[in-house]
Amino acid sequence: MTFLDRIAGAPITWGVDGSPGWGYLMDRDRVMREMSDVGLSATELGPDGYLPTDSDELTDFLSVYDFAIVGGFVPALLYRLDRIDDELAYVERATRQLARAGSSTLVLGPSAHHDGYDTSVEMTDEEWVIFNQNLDRLQEIAATQGLVTALHQHWGMAIERMHHLERLLDTSDVALCLDTGHAYLGGIDPVAIAKLAPDRVAHVHLKDVEPAAADRVRSGEVPFRQAVMDGMFVPLGAGDVDIAGVIRTLEKSGFSGWYVLEQDAALSADPEPGAGPKADAEVSVEFLRRLASEQVMQG
């Protein structure tokens, strides 16, 4: 058995994001069908309301494609006291849905106080204290539903750069969702994180990144969303991220969680059949199959 048995998809790979004005949303039946066509059998939940929110309806929907739910990205603004009650009420609803869907992981997006992902923030020392206190509250909410909270370092969110991540690791026991693309974009070597804190990694998002596009985002020349629309995230193996190094490191450390194929995209219309996200996903899955074969041959 190889890590290929733990590869899932995510609706964002098919351009499905809940951010205002992100782009065209493909029909969910087509998205699930194309995930299945490329060889996937599990997915993250996607933005609130994209898949059925009623647990029975969701179970029926997933059974058509024989799919499992392995997690869901749940954004929450934790460092603003005036917003926290509403934020945690949403988290509580999301954890119930994820648990009823059979997931064991809540992927936490540590939101900033602005819309979108185009503006970086620096929490004050006081905000860090509030953030960690509410992070503890959130983890307790998730735990009551049997879910592990995996915090997702993310461009344009409160945990973006290496100094944010280091402070988080020092001040909280929260597990991590290691997103290889957002780590690279934030100037973080994802292999180094896999080596530094393998016991903290509970979930993985696999992304590859075109380096020149990443440079333009870091410099502020191009906003994040525009860079996504322009194709900053590329199929696995086509960019500058050491995907193989991350997987090899985590597998050697005994990682048993899910790797989620997550190539963020923003669409303007339905792609032609077999084109667009599906074609990219096929390239990424083939990359992972070759990597798994190499690992088997190397023993």
C-alpha atoms as a PDB file:
ATOM      1  CA  MET A   1       0.000   0.000   0.000  1.00  0.00           C
ATOM      2  CA  THR A   2       1.315   3.475  -0.909  1.00  0.00           C
ATOM      3  CA  PHE A   3       0.261   7.030  -0.220  1.00  0.00           C
ATOM      4  CA  LEU A   4      -1.853   6.840  -3.407  1.00  0.00           C
ATOM      5  CA  ASP A   5      -4.592   5.341  -1.271  1.00  0.00           C
ATOM      6  CA  ARG A   6      -4.761   8.672   0.572  1.00  0.00           C
ATOM      7  CA  ILE A   7      -5.104  11.142  -2.324  1.00  0.00           C
ATOM      8  CA  ALA A   8      -8.257  13.259  -2.317  1.00  0.00           C
ATOM      9  CA  GLY A   9      -9.564  16.134  -4.400  1.00  0.00           C
ATOM     10  CA  ALA A  10     -10.907  19.566  -3.529  1.00  0.00           C
ATOM     11  CA  PRO A  11     -13.546  21.696  -5.254  1.00  0.00           C
ATOM     12  CA  ILE A  12     -11.131  24.663  -5.423  1.00  0.00           C
ATOM     13  CA  THR A  13      -9.098  22.658  -7.954  1.00  0.00           C
ATOM     14  CA  TRP A  14     -12.177  23.044 -10.148  1.00  0.00           C
ATOM     15  CA  GLY A  15     -12.421  26.772  -9.391  1.00  0.00           C
ATOM     16  CA  VAL A  16     -14.969  26.476  -6.573  1.00  0.00           C
ATOM     17  CA  ASP A  17     -14.213  29.031  -3.860  1.00  0.00           C
ATOM     18  CA  GLY A  18     -16.584  30.847  -1.541  1.00  0.00           C
ATOM     19  CA  SER A  19     -14.847  34.226  -1.728  1.00  0.00           C
ATOM     20  CA  PRO A  20     -17.002  37.054  -3.160  1.00  0.00           C
ATOM     21  CA  GLY A  21     -16.409  37.463  -6.880  1.00  0.00           C
ATOM     22  CA  TRP A  22     -13.927  34.601  -7.098  1.00  0.00           C
ATOM     23  CA  GLY A  23     -15.202  33.338 -10.421  1.00  0.00           C
ATOM     24  CA  TYR A  24     -17.547  30.960 -12.211  1.00  0.00           C
ATOM     25  CA  LEU A  25     -18.665  27.927 -10.200  1.00  0.00           C
ATOM     26  CA  MET A  26     -18.910  24.671 -12.118  1.00  0.00           C
ATOM     27  CA  ASP A  27     -21.890  22.404 -11.523  1.00  0.00           C
ATOM     28  CA  ARG A  28     -21.163  20.156  -8.565  1.00  0.00           C
ATOM     29  CA  ASP A  29     -22.182  16.991 -10.402  1.00  0.00           C
ATOM     30  CA  ARG A  30     -19.656  17.692 -13.137  1.00  0.00           C
ATOM     31  CA  VAL A  31     -16.961  18.425 -10.565  1.00  0.00           C
ATOM     32  CA  MET A  32     -17.567  15.151  -8.713  1.00  0.00           C
ATOM     33  CA  ARG A  33     -17.746  13.213 -11.956  1.00  0.00           C
ATOM     34  CA  GLU A  34     -14.438  14.639 -13.165  1.00  0.00           C
ATOM     35  CA  MET A  35     -12.781  13.937  -9.813  1.00  0.00           C
ATOM     36  CA  SER A  36     -13.909  10.336 -10.148  1.00  0.00           C
ATOM     37  CA  ASP A  37     -12.733  10.168 -13.769  1.00  0.00           C
ATOM     38  CA  VAL A  38      -9.162  11.115 -12.800  1.00  0.00           C
ATOM     39  CA  GLY A  39      -9.065   8.369 -10.163  1.00  0.00           C
ATOM     40  CA  LEU A  40     -10.022  10.140  -6.933  1.00  0.00           C
ATOM     41  CA  SER A  41     -12.467   8.669  -4.428  1.00  0.00           C
ATOM     42  CA  ALA A  42     -12.546  11.341  -1.725  1.00  0.00           C
ATOM     43  CA  THR A  43     -12.868  15.100  -1.520  1.00  0.00           C
ATOM     44  CA  GLU A  44     -12.941  18.034   0.824  1.00  0.00           C
ATOM     45  CA  LEU A  45     -16.318  19.627   1.367  1.00  0.00           C
ATOM     46  CA  GLY A  46     -15.692  22.913  -0.426  1.00  0.00           C
ATOM     47  CA  PRO A  47     -17.250  26.275   0.477  1.00  0.00           C
ATOM     48  CA  ASP A  48     -20.320  26.477   2.671  1.00  0.00           C
ATOM     49  CA  GLY A  49     -23.389  25.481   0.671  1.00  0.00           C
ATOM     50  CA  TYR A  50     -21.675  24.158  -2.463  1.00  0.00           C
ATOM     51  CA  LEU A  51     -22.392  20.533  -1.570  1.00  0.00           C
ATOM     52  CA  PRO A  52     -25.655  19.703   0.215  1.00  0.00           C
ATOM     53  CA  THR A  53     -25.731  20.975   3.789  1.00  0.00           C
ATOM     54  CA  ASP A  54     -28.345  18.471   4.959  1.00  0.00           C
ATOM     55  CA  SER A  55     -26.483  15.368   6.121  1.00  0.00           C
ATOM     56  CA  ASP A  56     -28.895  12.904   4.507  1.00  0.00           C
ATOM     57  CA  GLU A  57     -28.851  14.793   1.197  1.00  0.00           C
ATOM     58  CA  LEU A  58     -25.054  14.946   1.305  1.00  0.00           C
ATOM     59  CA  THR A  59     -24.783  11.216   1.978  1.00  0.00           C
ATOM     60  CA  ASP A  60     -27.097  10.466  -0.935  1.00  0.00           C
ATOM     61  CA  PHE A  61     -25.191  12.828  -3.212  1.00  0.00           C
ATOM     62  CA  LEU A  62     -21.803  11.332  -2.354  1.00  0.00           C
ATOM     63  CA  SER A  63     -23.062   7.767  -2.716  1.00  0.00           C
ATOM     64  CA  VAL A  64     -23.688   8.375  -6.413  1.00  0.00           C
ATOM     65  CA  TYR A  65     -19.942   8.836  -6.895  1.00  0.00           C
ATOM     66  CA  ASP A  66     -18.831   6.513  -4.055  1.00  0.00           C
ATOM     67  CA  PHE A  67     -16.985   9.446  -2.484  1.00  0.00           C
ATOM     68  CA  ALA A  68     -15.878  10.144   1.081  1.00  0.00           C
ATOM     69  CA  ILE A  69     -15.438  13.543   2.738  1.00  0.00           C
ATOM     70  CA  VAL A  70     -11.965  13.928   4.267  1.00  0.00           C
ATOM     71  CA  GLY A  71     -12.099  17.507   5.519  1.00  0.00           C
ATOM     72  CA  GLY A  72     -13.325  20.978   4.840  1.00  0.00           C
ATOM     73  CA  PHE A  73     -11.807  24.456   4.757  1.00  0.00           C
ATOM     74  CA  VAL A  74     -13.470  26.536   7.469  1.00  0.00           C
ATOM     75  CA  PRO A  75     -12.371  30.193   7.655  1.00  0.00           C
ATOM     76  CA  ALA A  76     -12.640  31.916  11.030  1.00  0.00           C
ATOM     77  CA  LEU A  77     -11.544  35.357  12.248  1.00  0.00           C
ATOM     78  CA  LEU A  78     -10.144  34.679  15.709  1.00  0.00           C
ATOM     79  CA  TYR A  79      -8.357  37.862  16.798  1.00  0.00           C
ATOM     80  CA  ARG A  80     -11.322  40.278  16.813  1.00  0.00           C
ATOM     81  CA  LEU A  81     -13.446  40.134  19.978  1.00  0.00           C
ATOM     82  CA  ASP A  82     -16.338  41.965  18.325  1.00  0.00           C
ATOM     83  CA  ARG A  83     -16.698  39.169  15.739  1.00  0.00           C
ATOM     84  CA  ILE A  84     -15.826  36.047  17.674  1.00  0.00           C
ATOM     85  CA  ASP A  85     -19.299  34.924  18.760  1.00  0.00           C
ATOM     86  CA  ASP A  86     -20.571  34.848  15.179  1.00  0.00           C
ATOM     87  CA  GLU A  87     -17.359  33.233  13.943  1.00  0.00           C
ATOM     88  CA  LEU A  88     -17.488  30.391  16.459  1.00  0.00           C
ATOM     89  CA  ALA A  89     -21.216  29.865  15.839  1.00  0.00           C
ATOM     90  CA  TYR A  90     -20.359  29.289  12.169  1.00  0.00           C
ATOM     91  CA  VAL A  91     -17.515  26.947  13.139  1.00  0.00           C
ATOM     92  CA  GLU A  92     -19.910  24.946  15.302  1.00  0.00           C
ATOM     93  CA  ARG A  93     -22.310  24.513  12.373  1.00  0.00           C
ATOM     94  CA  ALA A  94     -19.438  23.536  10.073  1.00  0.00           C
ATOM     95  CA  THR A  95     -18.032  20.964  12.493  1.00  0.00           C
ATOM     96  CA  ARG A  96     -21.427  19.290  12.799  1.00  0.00           C
ATOM     97  CA  GLN A  97     -21.721  19.047   9.030  1.00  0.00           C
ATOM     98  CA  LEU A  98     -18.191  17.689   8.636  1.00  0.00           C
ATOM     99  CA  ALA A  99     -18.676  15.125  11.381  1.00  0.00           C
ATOM    100  CA  ARG A 100     -21.989  13.944   9.947  1.00  0.00           C
ATOM    101  CA  ALA A 101     -20.310  13.624   6.554  1.00  0.00           C
ATOM    102  CA  GLY A 102     -17.712  11.275   8.044  1.00  0.00           C
ATOM    103  CA  SER A 103     -14.755  13.643   8.121  1.00  0.00           C
ATOM    104  CA  SER A 104     -12.207  13.567  10.930  1.00  0.00           C
ATOM    105  CA  THR A 105     -10.490  16.883  10.087  1.00  0.00           C
ATOM    106  CA  LEU A 106     -11.455  20.543  10.184  1.00  0.00           C
ATOM    107  CA  VAL A 107      -9.083  22.611   8.052  1.00  0.00           C
ATOM    108  CA  LEU A 108      -8.988  26.017   9.718  1.00  0.00           C
ATOM    109  CA  GLY A 109      -8.359  29.116   7.644  1.00  0.00           C
ATOM    110  CA  PRO A 110      -7.103  31.772  10.119  1.00  0.00           C
ATOM    111  CA  SER A 111      -8.972  34.676   8.535  1.00  0.00           C
ATOM    112  CA  ALA A 112      -7.851  38.286   8.492  1.00  0.00           C
ATOM    113  CA  HIS A 113     -10.295  41.151   9.008  1.00  0.00           C
ATOM    114  CA  HIS A 114     -10.456  42.116   5.327  1.00  0.00           C
ATOM    115  CA  ASP A 115     -12.153  40.374   2.409  1.00  0.00           C
ATOM    116  CA  GLY A 116     -10.204  38.171   0.030  1.00  0.00           C
ATOM    117  CA  TYR A 117      -6.577  37.098   0.157  1.00  0.00           C
ATOM    118  CA  ASP A 118      -4.835  40.145  -1.290  1.00  0.00           C
ATOM    119  CA  THR A 119      -3.760  42.000   1.870  1.00  0.00           C
ATOM    120  CA  SER A 120      -1.221  40.789   4.428  1.00  0.00           C
ATOM    121  CA  VAL A 121      -1.737  41.460   8.133  1.00  0.00           C
ATOM    122  CA  GLU A 122       0.417  41.499  11.266  1.00  0.00           C
ATOM    123  CA  MET A 123      -1.350  40.739  14.519  1.00  0.00           C
ATOM    124  CA  THR A 124      -0.311  42.795  17.525  1.00  0.00           C
ATOM    125  CA  ASP A 125       0.858  41.028  20.688  1.00  0.00           C
ATOM    126  CA  GLU A 126      -2.589  41.623  22.175  1.00  0.00           C
ATOM    127  CA  GLU A 127      -4.259  40.170  19.086  1.00  0.00           C
ATOM    128  CA  TRP A 128      -2.006  37.120  19.280  1.00  0.00           C
ATOM    129  CA  VAL A 129      -3.231  36.474  22.829  1.00  0.00           C
ATOM    130  CA  ILE A 130      -6.859  36.783  21.696  1.00  0.00           C
ATOM    131  CA  PHE A 131      -6.132  34.604  18.654  1.00  0.00           C
ATOM    132  CA  ASN A 132      -4.667  31.778  20.722  1.00  0.00           C
ATOM    133  CA  GLN A 133      -7.430  31.920  23.311  1.00  0.00           C
ATOM    134  CA  ASN A 134     -10.086  31.634  20.626  1.00  0.00           C
ATOM    135  CA  LEU A 135      -8.093  28.990  18.789  1.00  0.00           C
ATOM    136  CA  ASP A 136      -8.298  26.889  21.958  1.00  0.00           C
ATOM    137  CA  ARG A 137     -12.069  27.453  22.045  1.00  0.00           C
ATOM    138  CA  LEU A 138     -12.357  26.447  18.397  1.00  0.00           C
ATOM    139  CA  GLN A 139     -10.345  23.267  18.929  1.00  0.00           C
ATOM    140  CA  GLU A 140     -12.656  22.322  21.794  1.00  0.00           C
ATOM    141  CA  ILE A 141     -15.702  22.825  19.558  1.00  0.00           C
ATOM    142  CA  ALA A 142     -14.165  20.626  16.880  1.00  0.00           C
ATOM    143  CA  ALA A 143     -13.101  17.980  19.384  1.00  0.00           C
ATOM    144  CA  THR A 144     -16.652  17.606  20.693  1.00  0.00           C
ATOM    145  CA  GLN A 145     -17.549  16.396  17.180  1.00  0.00           C
ATOM    146  CA  GLY A 146     -14.517  14.106  17.013  1.00  0.00           C
ATOM    147  CA  LEU A 147     -12.606  16.389  14.638  1.00  0.00           C
ATOM    148  CA  VAL A 148      -8.938  17.338  14.639  1.00  0.00           C
ATOM    149  CA  THR A 149      -8.300  21.008  13.865  1.00  0.00           C
ATOM    150  CA  ALA A 150      -5.551  21.445  11.258  1.00  0.00           C
ATOM    151  CA  LEU A 151      -4.569  25.106  10.871  1.00  0.00           C
ATOM    152  CA  HIS A 152      -3.844  26.134   7.290  1.00  0.00           C
ATOM    153  CA  GLN A 153      -1.067  28.718   6.874  1.00  0.00           C
ATOM    154  CA  HIS A 154      -2.407  30.800   3.994  1.00  0.00           C
ATOM    155  CA  TRP A 155      -1.477  33.842   1.920  1.00  0.00           C
ATOM    156  CA  GLY A 156      -3.533  36.860   2.962  1.00  0.00           C
ATOM    157  CA  MET A 157      -4.580  35.324   6.267  1.00  0.00           C
ATOM    158  CA  ALA A 158      -3.367  35.868   9.834  1.00  0.00           C
ATOM    159  CA  ILE A 159      -0.795  33.043   9.595  1.00  0.00           C
ATOM    160  CA  GLU A 160       1.044  33.762   6.352  1.00  0.00           C
ATOM    161  CA  ARG A 161       4.847  33.911   6.757  1.00  0.00           C
ATOM    162  CA  MET A 162       7.457  31.822   8.539  1.00  0.00           C
ATOM    163  CA  HIS A 163       7.603  34.080  11.608  1.00  0.00           C
ATOM    164  CA  HIS A 164       3.839  33.691  12.002  1.00  0.00           C
ATOM    165  CA  LEU A 165       4.113  29.916  11.743  1.00  0.00           C
ATOM    166  CA  GLU A 166       7.018  29.733  14.185  1.00  0.00           C
ATOM    167  CA  ARG A 167       5.118  31.792  16.750  1.00  0.00           C
ATOM    168  CA  LEU A 168       2.062  29.609  16.278  1.00  0.00           C
ATOM    169  CA  LEU A 169       4.067  26.431  16.828  1.00  0.00           C
ATOM    170  CA  ASP A 170       5.593  27.947  19.995  1.00  0.00           C
ATOM    171  CA  THR A 171       2.340  29.216  21.504  1.00  0.00           C
ATOM    172  CA  SER A 172      -0.260  26.626  20.474  1.00  0.00           C
ATOM    173  CA  ASP A 173      -0.569  22.864  20.223  1.00  0.00           C
ATOM    174  CA  VAL A 174      -2.821  23.046  17.140  1.00  0.00           C
ATOM    175  CA  ALA A 175      -2.117  20.594  14.341  1.00  0.00           C
ATOM    176  CA  LEU A 176      -1.253  21.845  10.853  1.00  0.00           C
ATOM    177  CA  CYS A 177      -2.596  21.529   7.356  1.00  0.00           C
ATOM    178  CA  LEU A 178       0.619  21.792   5.364  1.00  0.00           C
ATOM    179  CA  ASP A 179      -0.233  23.498   2.086  1.00  0.00           C
ATOM    180  CA  THR A 180       2.829  23.213  -0.124  1.00  0.00           C
ATOM    181  CA  GLY A 181       1.812  26.095  -2.397  1.00  0.00           C
ATOM    182  CA  HIS A 182       0.880  28.608   0.279  1.00  0.00           C
ATOM    183  CA  ALA A 183       4.027  27.708   2.202  1.00  0.00           C
ATOM    184  CA  TYR A 184       6.154  28.377  -0.882  1.00  0.00           C
ATOM    185  CA  LEU A 185       4.294  31.602  -1.588  1.00  0.00           C
ATOM    186  CA  GLY A 186       4.877  32.766   1.985  1.00  0.00           C
ATOM    187  CA  GLY A 187       8.614  32.137   1.697  1.00  0.00           C
ATOM    188  CA  ILE A 188       8.449  28.888   3.672  1.00  0.00           C
ATOM    189  CA  ASP A 189      10.160  25.675   2.554  1.00  0.00           C
ATOM    190  CA  PRO A 190       7.424  23.029   2.923  1.00  0.00           C
ATOM    191  CA  VAL A 191      10.012  20.248   3.169  1.00  0.00           C
ATOM    192  CA  ALA A 192      11.572  22.081   6.124  1.00  0.00           C
ATOM    193  CA  ILE A 193       8.188  22.164   7.875  1.00  0.00           C
ATOM    194  CA  ALA A 194       7.701  18.459   7.188  1.00  0.00           C
ATOM    195  CA  LYS A 195      11.086  17.839   8.833  1.00  0.00           C
ATOM    196  CA  LEU A 196      10.696  20.398  11.644  1.00  0.00           C
ATOM    197  CA  ALA A 197       7.263  19.395  12.871  1.00  0.00           C
ATOM    198  CA  PRO A 198       6.126  16.108  11.297  1.00  0.00           C
ATOM    199  CA  ASP A 199       4.125  15.251  14.416  1.00  0.00           C
ATOM    200  CA  ARG A 200       2.102  18.457  13.974  1.00  0.00           C
ATOM    201  CA  VAL A 201       1.090  17.779  10.351  1.00  0.00           C
ATOM    202  CA  ALA A 202      -2.392  16.242  10.258  1.00  0.00           C
ATOM    203  CA  HIS A 203      -3.465  17.082   6.699  1.00  0.00           C
ATOM    204  CA  VAL A 204      -1.719  18.109   3.468  1.00  0.00           C
ATOM    205  CA  HIS A 205      -2.724  20.229   0.493  1.00  0.00           C
ATOM    206  CA  LEU A 206      -0.585  19.518  -2.560  1.00  0.00           C
ATOM    207  CA  LYS A 207       0.036  22.537  -4.787  1.00  0.00           C
ATOM    208  CA  ASP A 208       2.801  23.467  -7.204  1.00  0.00           C
ATOM    209  CA  VAL A 209       3.688  27.050  -8.050  1.00  0.00           C
ATOM    210  CA  GLU A 210       5.126  28.926 -11.014  1.00  0.00           C
ATOM    211  CA  PRO A 211       8.018  30.823  -9.370  1.00  0.00           C
ATOM    212  CA  ALA A 212       7.902  34.059 -11.374  1.00  0.00           C
ATOM    213  CA  ALA A 213       4.199  34.438 -10.614  1.00  0.00           C
ATOM    214  CA  ALA A 214       4.879  33.872  -6.916  1.00  0.00           C
ATOM    215  CA  ASP A 215       7.535  36.595  -6.982  1.00  0.00           C
ATOM    216  CA  ARG A 216       5.031  39.057  -8.423  1.00  0.00           C
ATOM    217  CA  VAL A 217       2.546  38.302  -5.635  1.00  0.00           C
ATOM    218  CA  ARG A 218       5.173  38.615  -2.907  1.00  0.00           C
ATOM    219  CA  SER A 219       6.348  41.970  -4.276  1.00  0.00           C
ATOM    220  CA  GLY A 220       2.783  43.298  -4.456  1.00  0.00           C
ATOM    221  CA  GLU A 221       2.950  43.703  -8.220  1.00  0.00           C
ATOM    222  CA  VAL A 222       0.020  41.310  -8.761  1.00  0.00           C
ATOM    223  CA  PRO A 223      -2.819  40.561  -6.282  1.00  0.00           C
ATOM    224  CA  PHE A 224      -3.223  36.959  -5.188  1.00  0.00           C
ATOM    225  CA  ARG A 225      -6.576  36.398  -6.877  1.00  0.00           C
ATOM    226  CA  GLN A 226      -5.344  37.816 -10.170  1.00  0.00           C
ATOM    227  CA  ALA A 227      -2.293  35.566  -9.995  1.00  0.00           C
ATOM    228  CA  VAL A 228      -4.559  32.555  -9.491  1.00  0.00           C
ATOM    229  CA  MET A 229      -6.618  33.597 -12.514  1.00  0.00           C
ATOM    230  CA  ASP A 230      -3.382  33.923 -14.478  1.00  0.00           C
ATOM    231  CA  GLY A 231      -2.355  30.361 -13.590  1.00  0.00           C
ATOM    232  CA  MET A 232       0.116  30.788 -10.725  1.00  0.00           C
ATOM    233  CA  PHE A 233      -0.775  27.323  -9.413  1.00  0.00           C
ATOM    234  CA  VAL A 234       0.240  24.623 -11.883  1.00  0.00           C
ATOM    235  CA  PRO A 235      -0.040  20.822 -12.073  1.00  0.00           C
ATOM    236  CA  LEU A 236       2.218  18.899  -9.722  1.00  0.00           C
ATOM    237  CA  GLY A 237       5.714  18.634 -11.122  1.00  0.00           C
ATOM    238  CA  ALA A 238       5.347  21.680 -13.369  1.00  0.00           C
ATOM    239  CA  GLY A 239       6.406  24.277 -10.801  1.00  0.00           C
ATOM    240  CA  ASP A 240       9.155  24.991  -8.285  1.00  0.00           C
ATOM    241  CA  VAL A 241       7.820  23.207  -5.186  1.00  0.00           C
ATOM    242  CA  ASP A 242       9.552  20.022  -4.033  1.00  0.00           C
ATOM    243  CA  ILE A 243       6.377  17.945  -3.869  1.00  0.00           C
ATOM    244  CA  ALA A 244       8.310  14.679  -3.891  1.00  0.00           C
ATOM    245  CA  GLY A 245      10.468  15.854  -0.981  1.00  0.00           C
ATOM    246  CA  VAL A 246       7.431  16.720   1.123  1.00  0.00           C
ATOM    247  CA  ILE A 247       5.754  13.369   0.529  1.00  0.00           C
ATOM    248  CA  ARG A 248       8.940  11.354   1.078  1.00  0.00           C
ATOM    249  CA  THR A 249       9.662  13.206   4.326  1.00  0.00           C
ATOM    250  CA  LEU A 250       6.166  12.791   5.716  1.00  0.00           C
ATOM    251  CA  GLU A 251       5.875   9.140   4.693  1.00  0.00           C
ATOM    252  CA  LYS A 252       9.195   8.344   6.399  1.00  0.00           C
ATOM    253  CA  SER A 253       7.907  10.038   9.561  1.00  0.00           C
ATOM    254  CA  GLY A 254       4.814   7.816   9.579  1.00  0.00           C
ATOM    255  CA  PHE A 255       2.254  10.306   8.295  1.00  0.00           C
ATOM    256  CA  SER A 256      -1.078   8.547   7.763  1.00  0.00           C
ATOM    257  CA  GLY A 257      -3.337  11.468   6.852  1.00  0.00           C
ATOM    258  CA  TRP A 258      -4.748  12.636   3.544  1.00  0.00           C
ATOM    259  CA  TYR A 259      -2.953  14.395   0.703  1.00  0.00           C
ATOM    260  CA  VAL A 260      -5.445  16.668  -1.029  1.00  0.00           C
ATOM    261  CA  LEU A 261      -4.847  17.591  -4.656  1.00  0.00           C
ATOM    262  CA  GLU A 262      -5.538  21.325  -4.463  1.00  0.00           C
ATOM    263  CA  GLN A 263      -4.531  23.407  -7.485  1.00  0.00           C
ATOM    264  CA  ASP A 264      -6.424  26.655  -6.858  1.00  0.00           C
ATOM    265  CA  ALA A 265      -8.155  27.903  -9.985  1.00  0.00           C
ATOM    266  CA  ALA A 266     -10.516  30.742 -10.900  1.00  0.00           C
ATOM    267  CA  LEU A 267     -12.728  30.197 -13.931  1.00  0.00           C
ATOM    268  CA  SER A 268     -14.753  32.524 -16.140  1.00  0.00           C
ATOM    269  CA  ALA A 269     -16.944  29.817 -17.715  1.00  0.00           C
ATOM    270  CA  ASP A 270     -17.366  26.066 -18.060  1.00  0.00           C
ATOM    271  CA  PRO A 271     -14.260  24.506 -19.619  1.00  0.00           C
ATOM    272  CA  GLU A 272     -14.589  22.290 -22.652  1.00  0.00           C
ATOM    273  CA  PRO A 273     -15.103  18.589 -21.824  1.00  0.00           C
ATOM    274  CA  GLY A 274     -11.829  17.049 -20.670  1.00  0.00           C
ATOM    275  CA  ALA A 275     -10.060  20.415 -20.574  1.00  0.00           C
ATOM    276  CA  GLY A 276      -9.265  22.896 -17.813  1.00  0.00           C
ATOM    277  CA  PRO A 277      -9.132  21.569 -14.241  1.00  0.00           C
ATOM    278  CA  LYS A 278      -9.701  17.963 -15.263  1.00  0.00           C
ATOM    279  CA  ALA A 279      -6.722  17.979 -17.641  1.00  0.00           C
ATOM    280  CA  ASP A 280      -4.497  19.547 -14.965  1.00  0.00           C
ATOM    281  CA  ALA A 281      -5.686  17.041 -12.366  1.00  0.00           C
ATOM    282  CA  GLU A 282      -4.822  14.165 -14.686  1.00  0.00           C
ATOM    283  CA  VAL A 283      -1.254  15.487 -14.971  1.00  0.00           C
ATOM    284  CA  SER A 284      -0.994  15.807 -11.192  1.00  0.00           C
ATOM    285  CA  VAL A 285      -2.354  12.330 -10.530  1.00  0.00           C
ATOM    286  CA  GLU A 286       0.075  10.840 -13.036  1.00  0.00           C
ATOM    287  CA  PHE A 287       2.933  12.680 -11.285  1.00  0.00           C
ATOM    288  CA  LEU A 288       1.877  11.114  -7.982  1.00  0.00           C
ATOM    289  CA  ARG A 289       1.598   7.661  -9.545  1.00  0.00           C
ATOM    290  CA  ARG A 290       5.150   7.914 -10.874  1.00  0.00           C
ATOM    291  CA  LEU A 291       6.366   9.051  -7.468  1.00  0.00           C
ATOM    292  CA  ALA A 292       4.621   6.132  -5.757  1.00  0.00           C
ATOM    293  CA  SER A 293       6.152   3.688  -8.249  1.00  0.00           C
ATOM    294  CA  GLU A 294       9.633   5.088  -7.560  1.00  0.00           C
ATOM    295  CA  GLN A 295       9.108   4.679  -3.823  1.00  0.00           C
ATOM    296  CA  VAL A 296       8.004   1.075  -4.251  1.00  0.00           C
ATOM    297  CA  MET A 297      11.041   0.303  -6.400  1.00  0.00           C
ATOM    298  CA  GLN A 298      13.340   1.964  -3.875  1.00  0.00           C
ATOM    299  CA  GLY A 299      11.871  -0.167  -1.135  1.00  0.00           C
END
